[in-house]
C-alpha cells in the first residue's frame, strides 16, 4: 500500500477576520473533495486571519500515480486564485515498511499490530 500526503500553506489576502478566512478555506477544501478522491482538512493556522495549512492524504497501489495526483491537487489550489500558495510539500511512503531495518519477512507477519490472529493461529477475542 502506498500512502501519500501533501501539505499546502496558503495566504488569504482579502480576509479581515477568522470567519472570512474559514469561508475561503472551506471553499478550497470542498472543491478538493469534490474533484479529487482524497481526504482533506485544515491542519494548521486555525487561529490566524490570513494563513492556513491544509493537509491532503490518499492511498493507492502505485507510487507514481499517488504522487502525480497529489501534485495535481496542489496545482489545482494554485489555479483557483482564492488564496496565494505560499508553500507545498508532497511525501509518499510504502506501508508496511518492508525495507525497515529488522524486517524479518513473512514469518514475522503475525507480530504486526494490524494482524488480528494470535501467534498460535487462533483469532483474537475482543472484550469491549
N, C-alpha and C. Protein backbone atom coordinates (compact mmCIF):
# COMPACT_ATOMS: atom_id res chain seq x y z
N UNK A 1 0.85 -1.18 0.00
CA UNK A 1 0.00 0.00 0.00
C UNK A 1 0.89 1.24 0.00
N UNK A 2 0.52 2.20 -0.80
CA UNK A 2 1.23 3.47 -0.87
C UNK A 2 0.38 4.54 -0.19
N UNK A 3 1.00 5.33 0.69
CA UNK A 3 0.32 6.42 1.38
C UNK A 3 0.98 7.72 0.94
N UNK A 4 0.18 8.65 0.45
CA UNK A 4 0.69 9.95 0.03
C UNK A 4 0.09 11.07 0.85
N UNK A 5 0.91 12.05 1.16
CA UNK A 5 0.47 13.19 1.96
C UNK A 5 0.99 14.46 1.31
N UNK A 6 0.14 15.46 1.21
CA UNK A 6 0.55 16.78 0.74
C UNK A 6 0.16 17.80 1.81
N UNK A 7 1.02 18.79 1.99
CA UNK A 7 0.75 19.89 2.91
C UNK A 7 0.87 21.17 2.10
N UNK A 8 -0.16 22.00 2.21
CA UNK A 8 -0.21 23.26 1.46
C UNK A 8 -0.39 24.40 2.45
N UNK A 9 0.46 25.40 2.35
CA UNK A 9 0.30 26.60 3.17
C UNK A 9 -0.20 27.72 2.25
N UNK A 10 -1.31 28.35 2.66
CA UNK A 10 -1.90 29.40 1.83
C UNK A 10 -2.02 30.70 2.62
N UNK A 11 -2.14 31.80 1.87
CA UNK A 11 -2.35 33.12 2.45
C UNK A 11 -3.60 33.70 1.81
N UNK A 12 -4.61 34.00 2.63
CA UNK A 12 -5.86 34.56 2.15
C UNK A 12 -5.76 36.07 2.33
N UNK A 13 -5.38 36.77 1.28
CA UNK A 13 -5.05 38.19 1.38
C UNK A 13 -6.23 39.07 1.73
N UNK A 14 -7.42 38.75 1.26
CA UNK A 14 -8.59 39.61 1.49
C UNK A 14 -9.29 39.34 2.81
N UNK A 15 -8.85 38.35 3.56
CA UNK A 15 -9.52 38.01 4.82
C UNK A 15 -9.21 39.05 5.88
N UNK A 16 -10.24 39.58 6.50
CA UNK A 16 -10.09 40.54 7.58
C UNK A 16 -10.60 39.99 8.91
N UNK A 17 -10.98 38.70 8.89
CA UNK A 17 -11.46 38.04 10.10
C UNK A 17 -11.28 36.53 9.94
N UNK A 18 -11.37 35.84 11.07
CA UNK A 18 -11.30 34.38 11.02
C UNK A 18 -12.45 33.81 10.21
N UNK A 19 -13.62 34.42 10.33
CA UNK A 19 -14.79 33.95 9.61
C UNK A 19 -14.57 34.04 8.09
N UNK A 20 -13.99 35.12 7.62
CA UNK A 20 -13.72 35.28 6.19
C UNK A 20 -12.70 34.26 5.71
N UNK A 21 -11.65 34.06 6.50
CA UNK A 21 -10.62 33.09 6.12
C UNK A 21 -11.20 31.69 6.09
N UNK A 22 -11.98 31.34 7.10
CA UNK A 22 -12.57 30.00 7.16
C UNK A 22 -13.50 29.74 5.98
N UNK A 23 -14.18 30.78 5.52
CA UNK A 23 -15.03 30.63 4.34
C UNK A 23 -14.22 30.26 3.11
N UNK A 24 -13.08 30.91 2.93
CA UNK A 24 -12.21 30.60 1.79
C UNK A 24 -11.64 29.20 1.94
N UNK A 25 -11.17 28.85 3.13
CA UNK A 25 -10.60 27.52 3.36
C UNK A 25 -11.66 26.44 3.13
N UNK A 26 -12.86 26.68 3.62
CA UNK A 26 -13.96 25.73 3.41
C UNK A 26 -14.26 25.56 1.92
N UNK A 27 -14.21 26.65 1.18
CA UNK A 27 -14.44 26.59 -0.26
C UNK A 27 -13.35 25.76 -0.96
N UNK A 28 -12.10 26.01 -0.59
CA UNK A 28 -10.98 25.26 -1.21
C UNK A 28 -11.07 23.78 -0.86
N UNK A 29 -11.27 23.47 0.43
CA UNK A 29 -11.31 22.06 0.82
C UNK A 29 -12.52 21.35 0.20
N UNK A 30 -13.63 22.02 0.08
CA UNK A 30 -14.81 21.43 -0.56
C UNK A 30 -14.57 21.14 -2.03
N UNK A 31 -13.92 22.06 -2.71
CA UNK A 31 -13.60 21.85 -4.13
C UNK A 31 -12.62 20.70 -4.31
N UNK A 32 -11.64 20.60 -3.42
CA UNK A 32 -10.68 19.49 -3.50
C UNK A 32 -11.41 18.17 -3.30
N UNK A 33 -12.27 18.09 -2.28
CA UNK A 33 -13.01 16.86 -2.01
C UNK A 33 -13.88 16.44 -3.19
N UNK A 34 -14.56 17.41 -3.80
CA UNK A 34 -15.48 17.06 -4.89
C UNK A 34 -14.76 16.70 -6.19
N UNK A 35 -13.57 17.23 -6.39
CA UNK A 35 -12.86 16.99 -7.65
C UNK A 35 -11.90 15.81 -7.59
N UNK A 36 -11.29 15.57 -6.42
CA UNK A 36 -10.28 14.52 -6.27
C UNK A 36 -10.75 13.51 -5.21
N UNK A 37 -10.29 12.31 -5.30
CA UNK A 37 -10.65 11.28 -4.34
C UNK A 37 -9.61 11.26 -3.22
N UNK A 38 -9.62 12.28 -2.36
CA UNK A 38 -8.62 12.44 -1.31
C UNK A 38 -9.30 12.87 -0.01
N UNK A 39 -8.58 12.72 1.09
CA UNK A 39 -9.01 13.27 2.37
C UNK A 39 -8.33 14.63 2.53
N UNK A 40 -9.07 15.60 3.06
CA UNK A 40 -8.51 16.95 3.17
C UNK A 40 -9.05 17.62 4.44
N UNK A 41 -8.17 18.39 5.10
CA UNK A 41 -8.56 19.11 6.31
C UNK A 41 -7.62 20.28 6.54
N UNK A 42 -8.14 21.30 7.22
CA UNK A 42 -7.27 22.39 7.67
C UNK A 42 -6.52 21.87 8.90
N UNK A 43 -5.20 21.84 8.82
CA UNK A 43 -4.40 21.23 9.88
C UNK A 43 -3.53 22.24 10.63
N UNK A 44 -3.56 23.49 10.23
CA UNK A 44 -2.76 24.49 10.92
C UNK A 44 -3.25 25.89 10.60
N UNK A 45 -2.91 26.83 11.46
CA UNK A 45 -3.27 28.22 11.25
C UNK A 45 -4.71 28.54 11.58
N UNK A 46 -5.37 27.70 12.37
CA UNK A 46 -6.78 27.94 12.67
C UNK A 46 -7.02 29.25 13.40
N UNK A 47 -6.04 29.75 14.12
CA UNK A 47 -6.22 30.97 14.89
C UNK A 47 -5.74 32.23 14.19
N UNK A 48 -5.25 32.11 12.96
CA UNK A 48 -4.76 33.28 12.24
C UNK A 48 -5.79 33.76 11.22
N UNK A 49 -5.74 35.03 10.90
CA UNK A 49 -6.72 35.63 10.00
C UNK A 49 -6.44 35.36 8.53
N UNK A 50 -5.19 35.21 8.16
CA UNK A 50 -4.89 35.13 6.73
C UNK A 50 -4.10 33.91 6.30
N UNK A 51 -3.59 33.14 7.23
CA UNK A 51 -2.79 31.96 6.86
C UNK A 51 -3.52 30.68 7.27
N UNK A 52 -3.34 29.65 6.44
CA UNK A 52 -3.91 28.34 6.75
C UNK A 52 -2.99 27.27 6.18
N UNK A 53 -2.98 26.13 6.85
CA UNK A 53 -2.26 24.97 6.36
C UNK A 53 -3.29 23.87 6.11
N UNK A 54 -3.26 23.34 4.91
CA UNK A 54 -4.22 22.31 4.50
C UNK A 54 -3.46 21.01 4.30
N UNK A 55 -3.97 19.93 4.88
CA UNK A 55 -3.37 18.61 4.71
C UNK A 55 -4.25 17.76 3.81
N UNK A 56 -3.61 17.03 2.90
CA UNK A 56 -4.31 16.17 1.96
C UNK A 56 -3.65 14.80 2.02
N UNK A 57 -4.45 13.74 2.04
CA UNK A 57 -3.87 12.40 2.03
C UNK A 57 -4.66 11.48 1.11
N UNK A 58 -3.95 10.48 0.62
CA UNK A 58 -4.59 9.47 -0.22
C UNK A 58 -3.77 8.19 -0.18
N UNK A 59 -4.40 7.10 -0.54
CA UNK A 59 -3.71 5.83 -0.62
C UNK A 59 -3.90 5.26 -2.02
N UNK A 60 -3.02 4.35 -2.38
CA UNK A 60 -3.11 3.70 -3.68
C UNK A 60 -2.12 2.55 -3.74
N UNK A 61 -1.97 1.99 -4.93
CA UNK A 61 -1.03 0.89 -5.08
C UNK A 61 0.12 1.22 -6.01
N UNK A 62 0.14 2.45 -6.55
CA UNK A 62 1.20 2.88 -7.46
C UNK A 62 1.76 4.21 -6.97
N UNK A 63 3.03 4.22 -6.61
CA UNK A 63 3.66 5.41 -6.04
C UNK A 63 3.62 6.59 -7.01
N UNK A 64 3.88 6.33 -8.28
CA UNK A 64 3.89 7.40 -9.28
C UNK A 64 2.51 8.03 -9.42
N UNK A 65 1.47 7.21 -9.44
CA UNK A 65 0.11 7.73 -9.58
C UNK A 65 -0.30 8.55 -8.36
N UNK A 66 0.05 8.09 -7.17
CA UNK A 66 -0.29 8.82 -5.95
C UNK A 66 0.42 10.17 -5.93
N UNK A 67 1.70 10.18 -6.23
CA UNK A 67 2.48 11.43 -6.26
C UNK A 67 1.90 12.40 -7.31
N UNK A 68 1.58 11.88 -8.49
CA UNK A 68 1.03 12.72 -9.56
C UNK A 68 -0.32 13.31 -9.16
N UNK A 69 -1.16 12.51 -8.52
CA UNK A 69 -2.47 13.00 -8.09
C UNK A 69 -2.34 14.10 -7.04
N UNK A 70 -1.44 13.93 -6.10
CA UNK A 70 -1.25 14.96 -5.08
C UNK A 70 -0.67 16.24 -5.68
N UNK A 71 0.22 16.12 -6.66
CA UNK A 71 0.75 17.31 -7.34
C UNK A 71 -0.38 18.04 -8.08
N UNK A 72 -1.32 17.27 -8.65
CA UNK A 72 -2.47 17.89 -9.32
C UNK A 72 -3.33 18.66 -8.34
N UNK A 73 -3.49 18.14 -7.13
CA UNK A 73 -4.26 18.85 -6.11
C UNK A 73 -3.58 20.17 -5.77
N UNK A 74 -2.26 20.14 -5.59
CA UNK A 74 -1.51 21.37 -5.29
C UNK A 74 -1.67 22.37 -6.43
N UNK A 75 -1.53 21.91 -7.66
CA UNK A 75 -1.70 22.80 -8.82
C UNK A 75 -3.12 23.36 -8.88
N UNK A 76 -4.10 22.54 -8.56
CA UNK A 76 -5.50 22.98 -8.57
C UNK A 76 -5.72 24.12 -7.57
N UNK A 77 -5.16 23.98 -6.36
CA UNK A 77 -5.32 25.02 -5.34
C UNK A 77 -4.72 26.32 -5.84
N UNK A 78 -3.57 26.24 -6.48
CA UNK A 78 -2.93 27.45 -7.00
C UNK A 78 -3.75 28.08 -8.13
N UNK A 79 -4.39 27.25 -8.95
CA UNK A 79 -5.18 27.75 -10.08
C UNK A 79 -6.52 28.34 -9.68
N UNK A 80 -7.01 28.03 -8.47
CA UNK A 80 -8.31 28.58 -8.05
C UNK A 80 -8.23 30.08 -7.81
N UNK A 81 -7.05 30.58 -7.45
CA UNK A 81 -6.83 32.00 -7.16
C UNK A 81 -7.68 32.51 -6.01
N UNK A 82 -8.14 31.59 -5.14
CA UNK A 82 -8.87 32.01 -3.94
C UNK A 82 -7.92 32.45 -2.84
N UNK A 83 -6.69 31.91 -2.90
CA UNK A 83 -5.66 32.25 -1.92
C UNK A 83 -4.30 32.06 -2.60
N UNK A 84 -3.32 32.76 -2.05
CA UNK A 84 -1.96 32.65 -2.60
C UNK A 84 -1.27 31.45 -1.97
N UNK A 85 -0.70 30.60 -2.81
CA UNK A 85 0.03 29.43 -2.35
C UNK A 85 1.41 29.87 -1.88
N UNK A 86 1.69 29.67 -0.58
CA UNK A 86 2.98 30.06 -0.02
C UNK A 86 4.00 28.93 -0.11
N UNK A 87 3.56 27.71 0.18
CA UNK A 87 4.47 26.57 0.18
C UNK A 87 3.66 25.29 0.03
N UNK A 88 4.32 24.26 -0.47
CA UNK A 88 3.69 22.95 -0.57
C UNK A 88 4.75 21.87 -0.47
N UNK A 89 4.34 20.72 -0.02
CA UNK A 89 5.25 19.58 0.08
C UNK A 89 4.43 18.32 -0.13
N UNK A 90 5.00 17.38 -0.88
CA UNK A 90 4.35 16.09 -1.13
C UNK A 90 5.30 14.99 -0.69
N UNK A 91 4.80 14.07 0.12
CA UNK A 91 5.59 12.93 0.58
C UNK A 91 4.81 11.65 0.30
N UNK A 92 5.53 10.61 -0.07
CA UNK A 92 4.92 9.32 -0.35
C UNK A 92 5.71 8.25 0.39
N UNK A 93 5.01 7.32 1.03
CA UNK A 93 5.70 6.22 1.69
C UNK A 93 4.97 4.91 1.45
N UNK A 94 5.71 3.83 1.55
CA UNK A 94 5.19 2.50 1.31
C UNK A 94 4.88 1.84 2.66
N UNK A 95 3.68 1.26 2.78
CA UNK A 95 3.27 0.58 4.01
C UNK A 95 2.94 -0.86 3.67
N UNK A 96 3.18 -1.85 4.46
CA UNK A 96 4.01 -1.78 5.64
C UNK A 96 5.45 -1.53 5.25
N UNK A 97 6.22 -1.08 6.18
CA UNK A 97 7.60 -0.69 5.91
C UNK A 97 8.47 -1.94 5.78
N UNK A 98 8.40 -2.58 4.62
CA UNK A 98 9.13 -3.82 4.39
C UNK A 98 10.64 -3.61 4.38
N UNK A 99 11.08 -2.45 3.98
CA UNK A 99 12.51 -2.18 3.87
C UNK A 99 13.10 -1.68 5.19
N UNK A 100 12.28 -1.63 6.23
CA UNK A 100 12.76 -1.13 7.51
C UNK A 100 13.79 -2.08 8.11
N UNK A 101 14.79 -1.53 8.80
CA UNK A 101 15.77 -2.40 9.45
C UNK A 101 15.10 -3.34 10.43
N UNK A 102 15.53 -4.57 10.43
CA UNK A 102 14.96 -5.55 11.34
C UNK A 102 13.77 -6.30 10.79
N UNK A 103 13.38 -6.00 9.55
CA UNK A 103 12.26 -6.71 8.95
C UNK A 103 12.69 -8.13 8.65
N UNK A 104 11.98 -9.10 9.22
CA UNK A 104 12.39 -10.49 9.13
C UNK A 104 11.65 -11.25 8.04
N UNK A 105 10.69 -10.64 7.38
CA UNK A 105 9.98 -11.34 6.32
C UNK A 105 8.61 -11.82 6.80
N UNK A 106 7.99 -12.68 5.99
CA UNK A 106 6.62 -13.13 6.24
C UNK A 106 6.45 -13.95 7.51
N UNK A 107 7.50 -14.65 7.97
CA UNK A 107 7.35 -15.47 9.16
C UNK A 107 7.04 -14.62 10.40
N UNK A 108 7.34 -13.34 10.38
CA UNK A 108 7.07 -12.45 11.50
C UNK A 108 5.76 -11.69 11.34
N UNK A 109 5.00 -11.97 10.28
CA UNK A 109 3.82 -11.19 9.98
C UNK A 109 2.79 -11.20 11.10
N UNK A 110 2.70 -12.27 11.87
CA UNK A 110 1.73 -12.35 12.96
C UNK A 110 2.00 -11.31 14.04
N UNK A 111 3.21 -10.74 14.08
CA UNK A 111 3.55 -9.75 15.10
C UNK A 111 3.16 -8.33 14.70
N UNK A 112 2.68 -8.10 13.48
CA UNK A 112 2.27 -6.77 13.06
C UNK A 112 1.06 -6.34 13.87
N UNK A 113 0.97 -5.08 14.26
CA UNK A 113 -0.14 -4.62 15.11
C UNK A 113 -1.50 -4.79 14.45
N UNK A 114 -1.60 -4.79 13.14
CA UNK A 114 -2.90 -4.87 12.49
C UNK A 114 -3.31 -6.31 12.21
N UNK A 115 -2.48 -7.28 12.58
CA UNK A 115 -2.84 -8.68 12.41
C UNK A 115 -3.78 -9.08 13.53
N UNK A 116 -4.93 -9.66 13.17
CA UNK A 116 -5.90 -9.99 14.21
C UNK A 116 -5.84 -11.46 14.62
N UNK A 117 -4.80 -12.17 14.23
CA UNK A 117 -4.64 -13.55 14.65
C UNK A 117 -3.64 -13.62 15.79
N UNK A 118 -3.88 -14.54 16.69
CA UNK A 118 -2.94 -14.81 17.76
C UNK A 118 -1.78 -15.61 17.19
N UNK A 119 -0.60 -15.58 17.84
CA UNK A 119 0.54 -16.33 17.35
C UNK A 119 0.29 -17.82 17.17
N UNK A 120 -0.65 -18.41 17.94
CA UNK A 120 -0.91 -19.84 17.80
C UNK A 120 -1.87 -20.14 16.65
N UNK A 121 -2.30 -19.10 15.89
CA UNK A 121 -3.13 -19.28 14.71
C UNK A 121 -4.60 -19.07 14.97
N UNK A 122 -5.01 -18.92 16.21
CA UNK A 122 -6.42 -18.71 16.51
C UNK A 122 -6.74 -17.24 16.48
N UNK A 123 -7.97 -16.87 16.11
CA UNK A 123 -8.38 -15.48 16.08
C UNK A 123 -8.40 -14.88 17.47
N UNK A 124 -8.17 -13.60 17.55
CA UNK A 124 -8.17 -12.96 18.86
C UNK A 124 -9.58 -12.63 19.29
N UNK A 125 -9.82 -12.77 20.55
CA UNK A 125 -11.11 -12.43 21.14
C UNK A 125 -11.02 -11.00 21.63
N UNK A 126 -12.03 -10.23 21.37
CA UNK A 126 -12.02 -8.84 21.76
C UNK A 126 -13.07 -8.61 22.83
N UNK A 127 -12.63 -8.06 23.94
CA UNK A 127 -13.58 -7.75 25.02
C UNK A 127 -13.80 -6.25 25.05
N UNK A 128 -15.07 -5.84 24.97
CA UNK A 128 -15.40 -4.41 24.99
C UNK A 128 -15.91 -4.00 26.32
